[in-house]
Amino acid sequence: MSHDPDAQTATQPRERVRSGGRAGHKTRAGSAAIDQMPWRVPVNTDRPTEPLNGDGIAAIHRGTMKILRDIGIEFLNPEAVEILRKAGCKVTGENVRMDEDFIMEMLGHAPASFTMTPRNPARELIMGGNHMLFVNVSSPPNAWDMERGKRAGDFTAFSEFVKLSQYFNCIHILGGYPVEPIDIHPSVRHLDCLHEMLTQSDKLVHAYSLGAERVEDVMEMVRIAGGLSHDEFAAKPRMFTNINSVSPLKHDYPMLDGAMRMARRGQPVVVTPFTLAGAMAPVTMAGAVTLSLAEGLAAIALLQYINPGCPVALGTFTSNVDMKSGAPAFGTPEYMRATQMTGQLVRHYGIPMRSSGVCAANVPDGQAMWETSNSLWAAVQSGTNMVYHAAGWLEGGLIASPEKFVMDCEVLQMIQRYFEPVTFATRDEDIALDAIAEVGAGGHYFGCQHTQDRYQTAFYQPFVSDWRNYEAWAQDGAVQTPERANRIYKQIIAEFEPAPMNGDHAEELARFVEKRKQEGGAPTDF
């Protein structure tokens, strides 16, 4: 794996750095909005939480296989249906049934982990094992901030979120559009959005599987931005896509089309059913998880048959609805257990896993943070490898908020700090018997040499939280957390510098975008 020369692994002590705008450049004195932890790929050092015993895992597996064998999945893509027919699956119209031997044989081809390399090799990522990757908020149609309130997404808001995603070292991946820029026509939206992502950021990017043109254009743009030949692009994962099933029991045409195109080029596909217990899935968590697994494994089997060994991951988006209103709920105890249960089954199948950092709150308030924290810690407990919507998500995915983005990044940094094994060291100097003897009974440790040698790095240092007492906080203006986050967000945007890019690659990328716009981009129904 390639490393940023200034980055540190999760096993090294934390060193506080400033700007995240340029990989490999820690600071320009006085120019960074916050001190933040360095770029790293976190390693989850905890044992996973496992609510299911062996019998429970076996029961959900049997249920999953029974759905695939006896009920089947609707594939609304004729090419996919024909491929699975040739593979020996039972096909009736668009319904495809698969037996367990076929599913397990296909899963046997899927890699347990893989690397993904964006245009900056120092940002290379490991997907799988104990590694944990955080993705920015993706796909809300609306934006919200403290000055402008809720409004339809536009390109200005989109660009701001791209800059926040590049700036924060705890964000590893730019997933889907962090807010949908509806002021750009859908036929060319992907061209403008990916151009902005690829020129402002050097982190891994994503393609929406919404028609052949969008996937093919984004693959070509990633290739150009990285200065790669076609063979070099196809030689290893350079980007990824995420597809969702249409629960219950369906996969739609465009997402299957995009997923198959990506798989043929060796680019990763994350398959994430969106199952809400009580609405699109059984009301029980076991039933919802079983349905989700069946939908996800069906698509993964298809992709492995097309290109054995292509990189894939299985996502979970299983939560519950408010049975009073029918509205989705997130960060609930049921959501947490469903994520943990899915983690057990995904480990059973031996492939990487995706989950999400989500909430149902409408503004960045206490509800937003406890629900998101529940979601994020469920990701930790489940052994998740990729956490979608890890920063910025509100209103069940209908709003992206820069204040919430900043606040969530505080939580992500805390999780990264929590993983650092140095905090559990058991050397003599860590046990600190000499310091205990020096201070003795009734003393304090503020002034002893042991503390003086370690106080700057001993504890996590927040950039949004305010740890002063009430009087000091009130005297300084009584600024609450969302207001502090708003100030940080504005300063980051004001001081942001794009990630450096080879000039020839930038010119070629701009020419490609202009050419595709002149050709009309992607067809739409508008």
Protein backbone atom coordinates (compact mmCIF):
# COMPACT_ATOMS: atom_id res chain seq x y z
CA MET A 1 0.00 0.00 0.00
CA SER A 2 1.22 3.51 -0.84
CA HIS A 3 1.37 6.06 1.94
CA ASP A 4 1.31 9.81 2.21
CA PRO A 5 4.78 10.65 3.53
CA ASP A 6 3.15 12.79 6.20
CA ALA A 7 0.46 10.27 7.08
CA GLN A 8 0.53 7.89 10.01
CA THR A 9 -0.97 4.47 10.43
CA ALA A 10 -3.46 3.72 13.15
CA THR A 11 -0.70 2.11 15.19
CA GLN A 12 1.36 5.30 15.45
CA PRO A 13 0.88 8.08 17.99
CA ARG A 14 -1.32 10.92 16.86
CA GLU A 15 0.36 14.11 15.72
CA ARG A 16 -1.86 17.14 15.30
CA VAL A 17 -1.66 18.84 11.91
CA ARG A 18 -3.43 21.65 10.18
CA SER A 19 -4.55 21.91 6.57
CA GLY A 20 -6.18 18.92 4.88
CA GLY A 21 -6.45 20.70 1.54
CA ARG A 22 -3.23 19.27 0.15
CA ALA A 23 -2.19 15.68 0.72
CA GLY A 24 1.33 15.56 2.02
CA HIS A 25 1.42 19.21 3.10
CA LYS A 26 0.71 19.55 6.80
CA THR A 27 0.48 23.24 7.37
CA ARG A 28 0.89 26.74 6.14
CA ALA A 29 1.37 28.67 9.37
CA GLY A 30 -1.72 30.57 10.40
CA SER A 31 -3.72 29.49 7.37
CA ALA A 32 -5.72 26.49 8.55
CA ALA A 33 -9.19 26.62 10.06
CA ILE A 34 -8.54 23.87 12.60
CA ASP A 35 -5.94 21.48 13.91
CA GLN A 36 -6.93 18.01 12.77
CA MET A 37 -5.58 14.50 12.86
CA PRO A 38 -3.43 13.40 9.89
CA TRP A 39 -4.64 11.38 6.93
CA ARG A 40 -4.75 7.68 7.70
CA VAL A 41 -6.69 4.52 6.93
CA PRO A 42 -8.05 3.54 10.35
CA VAL A 43 -7.79 -0.03 11.58
CA ASN A 44 -10.62 -1.24 13.79
CA THR A 45 -8.88 -2.95 16.69
CA ASP A 46 -12.06 -4.14 18.44
CA ARG A 47 -13.71 -7.51 18.29
CA PRO A 48 -17.10 -7.17 16.58
CA THR A 49 -20.35 -7.24 18.51
CA GLU A 50 -22.19 -10.45 17.67
CA PRO A 51 -25.84 -10.58 18.78
CA LEU A 52 -26.44 -13.83 16.86
CA ASN A 53 -25.13 -17.17 18.06
CA GLY A 54 -24.13 -19.91 15.63
CA ASP A 55 -27.70 -21.16 15.32
CA GLY A 56 -28.90 -17.64 14.53
CA ILE A 57 -26.33 -17.19 11.76
CA ALA A 58 -27.30 -20.57 10.31
CA ALA A 59 -31.01 -19.71 10.44
CA ILE A 60 -30.60 -16.39 8.61
CA HIS A 61 -28.33 -18.03 6.05
CA ARG A 62 -30.92 -20.77 5.43
CA GLY A 63 -33.65 -18.16 5.07
CA THR A 64 -31.54 -16.17 2.62
CA MET A 65 -30.83 -19.22 0.49
CA LYS A 66 -34.49 -20.24 0.57
CA ILE A 67 -35.56 -16.82 -0.75
CA LEU A 68 -33.05 -17.10 -3.58
CA ARG A 69 -33.99 -20.71 -4.40
CA ASP A 70 -37.78 -20.73 -3.98
CA ILE A 71 -39.01 -17.13 -4.28
CA GLY A 72 -36.42 -15.53 -6.52
CA ILE A 73 -35.36 -12.00 -7.34
CA GLU A 74 -36.78 -9.85 -10.14
CA PHE A 75 -34.00 -8.65 -12.48
CA LEU A 76 -35.44 -5.85 -14.59
CA ASN A 77 -32.53 -5.99 -17.03
CA PRO A 78 -32.81 -8.46 -19.93
CA GLU A 79 -29.04 -8.77 -20.32
CA ALA A 80 -28.66 -9.74 -16.66
CA VAL A 81 -31.51 -12.24 -16.95
CA GLU A 82 -29.94 -13.87 -20.00
CA ILE A 83 -26.53 -14.10 -18.31
CA LEU A 84 -28.07 -15.82 -15.29
CA ARG A 85 -30.07 -18.15 -17.54
CA LYS A 86 -26.83 -19.25 -19.18
CA ALA A 87 -25.34 -19.72 -15.71
CA GLY A 88 -28.00 -22.35 -15.01
CA CYS A 89 -30.34 -20.29 -12.84
CA LYS A 90 -34.08 -20.87 -13.11
CA VAL A 91 -35.70 -18.03 -15.04
CA THR A 92 -39.39 -17.22 -15.36
CA GLY A 93 -39.83 -13.93 -17.14
CA GLU A 94 -37.82 -11.47 -15.04
CA ASN A 95 -37.81 -13.71 -11.97
CA VAL A 96 -34.51 -15.50 -11.34
CA ARG A 97 -34.03 -18.26 -8.79
CA MET A 98 -30.57 -19.41 -7.72
CA ASP A 99 -29.55 -22.41 -5.68
CA GLU A 100 -27.15 -22.31 -2.77
CA ASP A 101 -24.33 -24.09 -4.57
CA PHE A 102 -24.30 -21.39 -7.26
CA ILE A 103 -24.39 -18.55 -4.75
CA MET A 104 -21.58 -19.98 -2.63
CA GLU A 105 -19.47 -20.79 -5.67
CA MET A 106 -19.78 -17.19 -6.88
CA LEU A 107 -18.98 -15.82 -3.42
CA GLY A 108 -15.89 -17.99 -3.44
CA HIS A 109 -14.53 -15.88 -6.31
CA ALA A 110 -15.06 -12.55 -4.55
CA PRO A 111 -11.96 -11.07 -2.87
CA ALA A 112 -12.02 -10.62 0.89
CA SER A 113 -10.23 -7.29 0.47
CA PHE A 114 -8.89 -5.06 -2.28
CA THR A 115 -7.16 -1.72 -2.71
CA MET A 116 -8.61 1.33 -4.47
CA THR A 117 -6.20 3.92 -5.90
CA PRO A 118 -7.39 7.43 -6.82
CA ARG A 119 -5.40 9.92 -8.91
CA ASN A 120 -3.12 10.58 -5.94
CA PRO A 121 -1.54 7.21 -5.03
CA ALA A 122 -0.86 8.52 -1.51
CA ARG A 123 -4.64 8.34 -0.98
CA GLU A 124 -4.77 4.61 -1.75
CA LEU A 125 -7.33 2.76 0.36
CA ILE A 126 -7.75 -0.79 1.60
CA MET A 127 -11.31 -2.10 1.48
CA GLY A 128 -11.73 -5.12 3.70
CA GLY A 129 -10.13 -6.79 6.69
CA ASN A 130 -10.14 -4.51 9.73
CA HIS A 131 -9.84 -1.31 7.72
CA MET A 132 -12.54 1.33 8.05
CA LEU A 133 -13.21 4.00 5.42
CA PHE A 134 -15.45 7.04 5.85
CA VAL A 135 -17.47 8.49 2.95
CA ASN A 136 -19.03 11.94 2.79
CA VAL A 137 -22.81 12.49 2.69
CA SER A 138 -24.14 11.44 -0.70
CA SER A 139 -27.23 12.28 -2.75
CA PRO A 140 -29.51 14.59 -0.70
CA PRO A 141 -31.64 16.84 -2.93
CA ASN A 142 -31.52 19.72 -0.43
CA ALA A 143 -28.97 21.75 1.51
CA TRP A 144 -29.34 23.47 4.89
CA ASP A 145 -27.15 25.89 6.76
CA MET A 146 -27.73 28.32 9.60
CA GLU A 147 -27.98 31.44 7.42
CA ARG A 148 -29.95 30.19 4.42
CA GLY A 149 -32.03 27.40 5.92
CA LYS A 150 -33.37 24.57 3.78
CA ARG A 151 -33.16 25.03 0.03
CA ALA A 152 -32.82 22.98 -3.15
CA GLY A 153 -29.29 21.82 -3.86
CA ASP A 154 -27.23 23.78 -6.35
CA PHE A 155 -23.72 23.64 -7.75
CA THR A 156 -22.40 26.22 -5.28
CA ALA A 157 -23.47 24.06 -2.34
CA PHE A 158 -22.17 20.96 -4.13
CA SER A 159 -18.76 22.57 -4.56
CA GLU A 160 -18.61 23.58 -0.89
CA PHE A 161 -19.20 20.00 0.22
CA VAL A 162 -16.53 18.75 -2.17
CA LYS A 163 -14.09 21.16 -0.53
CA LEU A 164 -15.10 20.06 2.96
CA SER A 165 -14.67 16.43 1.88
CA GLN A 166 -11.19 17.12 0.57
CA TYR A 167 -10.18 19.22 3.57
CA PHE A 168 -11.04 16.78 6.33
CA ASN A 169 -8.47 14.00 6.66
CA CYS A 170 -11.03 11.73 8.33
CA ILE A 171 -13.04 11.62 5.06
CA HIS A 172 -11.50 9.09 2.69
CA ILE A 173 -13.95 8.93 -0.20
CA LEU A 174 -16.16 11.27 -2.19
CA GLY A 175 -19.23 9.12 -2.74
CA GLY A 176 -22.24 10.31 -4.68
CA TYR A 177 -22.98 14.00 -5.05
CA PRO A 178 -22.94 15.39 -1.49
CA VAL A 179 -25.92 17.46 -2.55
CA GLU A 180 -27.74 17.23 -5.88
CA PRO A 181 -27.05 20.37 -7.98
CA ILE A 182 -30.44 20.74 -9.64
CA ASP A 183 -29.37 23.97 -11.38
CA ILE A 184 -27.38 21.78 -13.80
CA HIS A 185 -29.33 19.77 -16.38
CA PRO A 186 -29.34 16.03 -15.63
CA SER A 187 -27.88 15.22 -19.05
CA VAL A 188 -24.57 16.91 -18.20
CA ARG A 189 -24.70 17.02 -14.40
CA HIS A 190 -22.35 14.08 -14.01
CA LEU A 191 -19.76 15.80 -16.20
CA ASP A 192 -19.70 19.01 -14.18
CA CYS A 193 -19.88 17.21 -10.84
CA LEU A 194 -17.09 14.73 -11.51
CA HIS A 195 -14.94 17.44 -13.05
CA GLU A 196 -15.32 19.43 -9.83
CA MET A 197 -14.54 16.39 -7.68
CA LEU A 198 -11.50 15.36 -9.72
CA THR A 199 -9.98 18.84 -9.88
CA GLN A 200 -10.70 20.03 -6.32
CA SER A 201 -9.92 16.71 -4.63
CA ASP A 202 -7.42 13.89 -5.01
CA LYS A 203 -9.49 11.33 -3.10
CA LEU A 204 -11.39 8.32 -4.43
CA VAL A 205 -14.58 9.12 -6.37
CA HIS A 206 -17.78 7.31 -7.30
CA ALA A 207 -19.95 6.89 -10.39
CA TYR A 208 -23.72 6.70 -10.27
CA SER A 209 -25.02 3.62 -12.06
CA LEU A 210 -27.78 5.55 -13.81
CA GLY A 211 -27.38 4.68 -17.47
CA ALA A 212 -24.47 3.56 -19.59
CA GLU A 213 -23.25 7.04 -20.50
CA ARG A 214 -22.78 8.21 -16.91
CA VAL A 215 -20.75 5.19 -15.89
CA GLU A 216 -18.65 5.17 -19.05
CA ASP A 217 -18.02 8.93 -18.86
CA VAL A 218 -16.92 8.79 -15.24
CA MET A 219 -14.59 5.85 -15.83
CA GLU A 220 -12.98 7.80 -18.67
CA MET A 221 -12.72 10.97 -16.56
CA VAL A 222 -11.04 9.07 -13.72
CA ARG A 223 -8.63 7.53 -16.21
CA ILE A 224 -7.74 10.91 -17.71
CA ALA A 225 -7.40 12.66 -14.33
CA GLY A 226 -4.94 10.00 -13.20
CA GLY A 227 -2.91 10.12 -16.42
CA LEU A 228 -3.55 6.42 -16.95
CA SER A 229 -3.59 4.28 -20.04
CA HIS A 230 -6.68 2.14 -20.58
CA ASP A 231 -4.73 -0.92 -19.46
CA GLU A 232 -3.48 0.85 -16.33
CA PHE A 233 -7.01 1.90 -15.43
CA ALA A 234 -8.33 -1.63 -15.77
CA ALA A 235 -5.40 -3.20 -13.93
CA LYS A 236 -6.66 -2.21 -10.48
CA PRO A 237 -9.61 -0.49 -8.79
CA ARG A 238 -9.52 3.28 -9.39
CA MET A 239 -13.09 4.26 -8.38
CA PHE A 240 -16.32 2.50 -7.43
CA THR A 241 -20.09 2.48 -7.70
CA ASN A 242 -22.84 1.73 -5.24
CA ILE A 243 -26.12 0.20 -6.39
CA ASN A 244 -29.36 -0.28 -4.46
CA SER A 245 -32.00 -2.94 -4.93
CA VAL A 246 -35.64 -1.95 -5.27
CA SER A 247 -36.90 -3.65 -2.16
CA PRO A 248 -38.59 -5.99 -1.90
CA LEU A 249 -36.94 -8.47 -4.25
CA LYS A 250 -36.06 -6.36 -7.31
CA HIS A 251 -33.00 -4.97 -9.10
CA ASP A 252 -33.68 -2.27 -11.67
CA TYR A 253 -32.34 -1.86 -15.19
CA PRO A 254 -29.91 1.10 -14.98
CA MET A 255 -28.19 0.07 -11.76
CA LEU A 256 -27.61 -3.45 -13.04
CA ASP A 257 -26.32 -2.02 -16.32
CA GLY A 258 -23.83 0.23 -14.54
CA ALA A 259 -22.76 -2.49 -12.14
CA MET A 260 -22.07 -4.93 -14.97
CA ARG A 261 -20.02 -2.32 -16.86
CA MET A 262 -17.95 -1.61 -13.76
CA ALA A 263 -17.42 -5.30 -13.00
CA ARG A 264 -16.17 -5.97 -16.53
CA ARG A 265 -13.56 -3.23 -16.07
CA GLY A 266 -12.51 -4.56 -12.65
CA GLN A 267 -13.92 -1.57 -10.77
CA PRO A 268 -15.59 -2.18 -7.37
CA VAL A 269 -19.35 -2.47 -6.96
CA VAL A 270 -20.99 -2.07 -3.56
CA VAL A 271 -24.47 -3.66 -3.50
CA THR A 272 -26.68 -2.08 -0.82
CA PRO A 273 -30.33 -3.08 -0.44
CA PHE A 274 -32.46 -0.39 1.22
CA THR A 275 -34.77 -2.36 3.48
CA LEU A 276 -36.97 -0.55 5.99
CA ALA A 277 -38.52 -3.00 8.43
CA GLY A 278 -42.28 -2.60 8.49
CA ALA A 279 -42.40 -0.99 5.03
CA MET A 280 -40.28 -2.65 2.32
CA ALA A 281 -39.18 -5.54 4.54
CA PRO A 282 -40.62 -7.71 7.33
CA VAL A 283 -41.18 -5.89 10.61
CA THR A 284 -38.73 -8.16 12.44
CA MET A 285 -35.03 -7.34 12.22
CA ALA A 286 -34.17 -10.97 11.43
CA GLY A 287 -36.64 -10.96 8.54
CA ALA A 288 -35.44 -7.60 7.24
CA VAL A 289 -31.79 -8.67 7.39
CA THR A 290 -32.58 -11.95 5.63
CA LEU A 291 -34.40 -10.15 2.81
CA SER A 292 -31.57 -7.64 2.47
CA LEU A 293 -28.95 -10.38 2.24
CA ALA A 294 -30.90 -12.22 -0.45
CA GLU A 295 -31.20 -9.09 -2.59
CA GLY A 296 -27.53 -8.22 -2.18
CA LEU A 297 -26.13 -11.70 -2.78
CA ALA A 298 -28.18 -12.11 -5.95
CA ALA A 299 -26.51 -9.11 -7.60
CA ILE A 300 -23.06 -10.09 -6.31
CA ALA A 301 -23.49 -13.57 -7.79
CA LEU A 302 -24.32 -12.01 -11.16
CA LEU A 303 -21.21 -9.82 -11.08
CA GLN A 304 -18.94 -12.69 -10.06
CA TYR A 305 -20.28 -14.84 -12.88
CA ILE A 306 -19.56 -12.02 -15.35
CA ASN A 307 -16.02 -11.42 -14.06
CA PRO A 308 -14.88 -13.89 -11.41
CA GLY A 309 -12.79 -12.16 -8.78
CA CYS A 310 -14.05 -8.66 -9.50
CA PRO A 311 -14.08 -6.48 -6.34
CA VAL A 312 -17.46 -6.28 -4.63
CA ALA A 313 -18.86 -5.43 -1.21
CA LEU A 314 -22.20 -6.02 0.47
CA GLY A 315 -23.94 -3.06 2.05
CA THR A 316 -26.62 -2.82 4.68
CA PHE A 317 -29.22 -0.10 4.94
CA THR A 318 -31.67 -1.96 7.13
CA SER A 319 -33.56 0.18 9.60
CA ASN A 320 -37.14 0.60 10.74
CA VAL A 321 -39.96 3.04 10.11
CA ASP A 322 -41.96 5.08 12.58
CA MET A 323 -45.10 2.92 12.72
CA LYS A 324 -47.14 6.03 13.60
CA SER A 325 -46.21 8.04 10.51
CA GLY A 326 -44.44 5.62 8.17
CA ALA A 327 -41.34 7.90 8.13
CA PRO A 328 -37.91 6.24 8.11
CA ALA A 329 -36.04 6.14 11.41
CA PHE A 330 -32.27 5.87 11.75
CA GLY A 331 -29.78 5.40 14.56
CA THR A 332 -32.34 3.34 16.43
CA PRO A 333 -31.57 0.28 18.58
CA GLU A 334 -33.07 -1.81 15.76
CA TYR A 335 -30.81 -0.15 13.20
CA MET A 336 -27.79 -0.89 15.35
CA ARG A 337 -28.70 -4.54 15.83
CA ALA A 338 -29.49 -5.00 12.14
CA THR A 339 -26.07 -3.60 11.25
CA GLN A 340 -24.32 -5.87 13.76
CA MET A 341 -26.27 -8.91 12.53
CA THR A 342 -25.45 -8.13 8.91
CA GLY A 343 -21.79 -7.86 9.87
CA GLN A 344 -21.87 -11.40 11.20
CA LEU A 345 -23.33 -12.75 7.98
CA VAL A 346 -21.02 -10.73 5.74
CA ARG A 347 -18.02 -12.12 7.61
CA HIS A 348 -19.56 -15.56 7.11
CA TYR A 349 -19.55 -14.91 3.35
CA GLY A 350 -16.02 -13.48 3.39
CA ILE A 351 -16.49 -10.16 1.60
CA PRO A 352 -16.16 -6.49 2.64
CA MET A 353 -19.11 -4.62 4.17
CA ARG A 354 -20.64 -1.17 3.88
CA SER A 355 -22.98 0.57 6.34
CA SER A 356 -23.94 4.23 6.98
CA GLY A 357 -23.82 7.13 9.44
CA VAL A 358 -27.40 8.33 9.37
CA CYS A 359 -30.14 10.12 11.32
CA ALA A 360 -33.73 11.31 10.91
CA ALA A 361 -33.20 14.74 12.51
CA ASN A 362 -34.01 17.85 10.49
CA VAL A 363 -31.31 20.17 11.86
CA PRO A 364 -27.89 19.58 13.48
CA ASP A 365 -29.23 19.27 17.02
CA GLY A 366 -28.92 16.74 19.82
CA GLN A 367 -31.13 14.20 18.06
CA ALA A 368 -28.97 14.46 14.95
CA MET A 369 -25.82 13.69 16.88
CA TRP A 370 -27.08 10.84 19.08
CA GLU A 371 -28.70 9.09 16.11
CA THR A 372 -25.61 9.57 13.93
CA SER A 373 -23.31 8.48 16.74
CA ASN A 374 -25.43 5.35 17.22
CA SER A 375 -25.10 4.64 13.50
CA LEU A 376 -21.35 5.24 13.46
CA TRP A 377 -20.67 3.13 16.53
CA ALA A 378 -22.85 0.37 15.05
CA ALA A 379 -20.49 0.51 12.07
CA VAL A 380 -17.55 0.06 14.42
CA GLN A 381 -19.26 -2.77 16.27
CA SER A 382 -20.24 -4.59 13.08
CA GLY A 383 -16.78 -4.55 11.51
CA THR A 384 -17.93 -2.28 8.68
CA ASN A 385 -15.26 -1.46 6.10
CA MET A 386 -16.96 1.48 4.33
CA VAL A 387 -19.23 3.95 6.11
CA TYR A 388 -21.38 5.92 3.70
CA HIS A 389 -22.92 9.28 4.73
CA ALA A 390 -20.41 9.51 7.57
CA ALA A 391 -20.56 13.32 7.65
CA GLY A 392 -23.28 15.81 6.77
CA TRP A 393 -26.51 13.78 6.59
CA LEU A 394 -29.88 15.12 7.87
CA GLU A 395 -33.63 14.46 7.44
CA GLY A 396 -33.23 10.82 6.52
CA GLY A 397 -31.03 11.70 3.56
CA LEU A 398 -33.04 14.63 2.21
CA ILE A 399 -30.68 17.33 3.54
CA ALA A 400 -26.92 17.87 3.51
CA SER A 401 -25.64 20.37 6.09
CA PRO A 402 -22.13 21.84 6.33
CA GLU A 403 -22.52 22.40 10.08
CA LYS A 404 -23.52 18.77 10.53
CA PHE A 405 -20.57 17.78 8.32
CA VAL A 406 -18.12 19.54 10.64
CA MET A 407 -19.78 18.14 13.76
CA ASP A 408 -19.74 14.60 12.36
CA CYS A 409 -16.04 14.91 11.52
CA GLU A 410 -15.41 15.53 15.22
CA VAL A 411 -17.06 12.16 15.94
CA LEU A 412 -15.06 10.47 13.17
CA GLN A 413 -11.83 11.81 14.63
CA MET A 414 -12.85 10.52 18.03
CA ILE A 415 -13.42 7.07 16.53
CA GLN A 416 -10.00 7.18 14.91
CA ARG A 417 -8.42 8.22 18.19
CA TYR A 418 -10.31 5.44 19.97
CA PHE A 419 -8.66 2.92 17.63
CA GLU A 420 -5.11 4.00 18.49
CA PRO A 421 -3.57 1.07 20.41
CA VAL A 422 -0.98 3.35 22.02
CA THR A 423 -3.67 4.27 24.57
CA PHE A 424 -3.52 0.67 25.84
CA ALA A 425 0.26 0.42 26.11
CA THR A 426 1.56 -1.40 29.20
CA ARG A 427 5.17 -0.27 29.35
CA ASP A 428 6.55 0.84 32.72
CA GLU A 429 6.25 4.49 31.74
CA ASP A 430 2.59 3.92 30.88
CA ILE A 431 1.82 2.19 34.17
CA ALA A 432 3.50 5.27 35.70
CA LEU A 433 4.52 3.81 39.08
CA ASP A 434 7.29 6.41 39.47
CA ALA A 435 4.79 9.23 38.95
CA ILE A 436 2.35 7.65 41.40
CA ALA A 437 5.11 7.43 44.00
CA GLU A 438 6.23 11.03 43.31
CA VAL A 439 2.77 12.55 43.72
CA GLY A 440 1.78 10.36 46.63
CA ALA A 441 -1.47 10.64 48.55
CA GLY A 442 -3.57 13.77 48.13
CA GLY A 443 -1.37 15.41 45.51
CA HIS A 444 -2.06 16.19 41.86
CA TYR A 445 -0.43 15.22 38.59
CA PHE A 446 -0.60 18.51 36.70
CA GLY A 447 2.95 19.54 37.48
CA CYS A 448 4.81 16.24 37.65
CA GLN A 449 7.34 15.52 34.90
CA HIS A 450 5.45 12.45 33.70
CA THR A 451 2.47 14.67 32.84
CA GLN A 452 4.61 17.47 31.41
CA ASP A 453 6.25 15.03 28.99
CA ARG A 454 2.90 13.78 27.69
CA TYR A 455 0.17 16.38 28.14
CA GLN A 456 0.12 17.58 24.52
CA THR A 457 -0.68 14.15 23.09
CA ALA A 458 -2.17 12.25 26.01
CA PHE A 459 -5.81 12.98 25.19
CA TYR A 460 -7.97 13.70 22.18
CA GLN A 461 -8.15 17.44 21.47
CA PRO A 462 -11.46 18.55 19.92
CA PHE A 463 -11.93 21.24 17.29
CA VAL A 464 -15.70 21.75 17.70
CA SER A 465 -16.43 20.71 21.29
CA ASP A 466 -16.00 23.41 23.95
CA TRP A 467 -14.71 21.98 27.23
CA ARG A 468 -14.65 25.23 29.21
CA ASN A 469 -16.95 25.74 32.18
CA TYR A 470 -20.25 27.56 31.80
CA GLU A 471 -18.94 30.94 32.99
CA ALA A 472 -15.99 30.98 30.57
CA TRP A 473 -18.19 29.80 27.73
CA ALA A 474 -20.87 32.42 28.47
CA GLN A 475 -18.34 35.23 28.79
CA ASP A 476 -16.99 34.31 25.35
CA GLY A 477 -20.41 34.74 23.72
CA ALA A 478 -22.21 31.50 24.67
CA VAL A 479 -21.63 30.12 21.18
CA GLN A 480 -23.37 26.77 20.74
CA THR A 481 -21.99 23.85 18.77
CA PRO A 482 -23.77 24.42 15.41
CA GLU A 483 -22.62 28.05 15.44
CA ARG A 484 -19.02 27.00 16.09
CA ALA A 485 -19.32 24.47 13.27
CA ASN A 486 -20.69 27.17 10.96
CA ARG A 487 -17.66 29.38 11.64
CA ILE A 488 -15.27 26.50 10.96
CA TYR A 489 -17.07 25.57 7.73
CA LYS A 490 -16.88 29.14 6.45
CA GLN A 491 -13.20 29.45 7.26
CA ILE A 492 -12.40 26.15 5.53
CA ILE A 493 -14.17 27.29 2.36
CA ALA A 494 -12.50 30.72 2.47
CA GLU A 495 -9.00 29.23 2.80
CA PHE A 496 -9.43 26.13 0.64
CA GLU A 497 -6.83 25.29 -2.00
CA PRO A 498 -7.52 22.58 -4.61
CA ALA A 499 -5.44 19.44 -4.55
CA PRO A 500 -2.57 19.80 -7.06
CA MET A 501 -3.20 18.24 -10.47
CA ASN A 502 -0.95 17.66 -13.45
CA GLY A 503 -1.65 20.48 -15.93
CA ASP A 504 -1.74 18.20 -18.97
CA HIS A 505 -4.23 15.90 -17.26
CA ALA A 506 -6.38 18.87 -16.26
CA GLU A 507 -6.46 20.19 -19.84
CA GLU A 508 -7.32 16.79 -21.29
CA LEU A 509 -10.06 16.34 -18.70
CA ALA A 510 -11.56 19.74 -19.55
CA ARG A 511 -11.52 18.89 -23.26
CA PHE A 512 -13.29 15.58 -22.63
CA VAL A 513 -16.00 17.26 -20.53
CA GLU A 514 -16.60 19.93 -23.19
CA LYS A 515 -16.72 17.31 -25.95
CA ARG A 516 -19.26 15.20 -24.09
CA LYS A 517 -21.39 18.25 -23.37
CA GLN A 518 -21.44 19.12 -27.05
CA GLU A 519 -22.54 15.55 -27.76
CA GLY A 520 -25.44 15.96 -25.34
CA GLY A 521 -24.13 14.05 -22.35
CA ALA A 522 -26.46 11.33 -21.08
CA PRO A 523 -30.01 10.93 -22.41
CA THR A 524 -32.81 11.85 -20.01
CA ASP A 525 -36.58 11.84 -19.92
CA PHE A 526 -36.66 15.63 -19.68
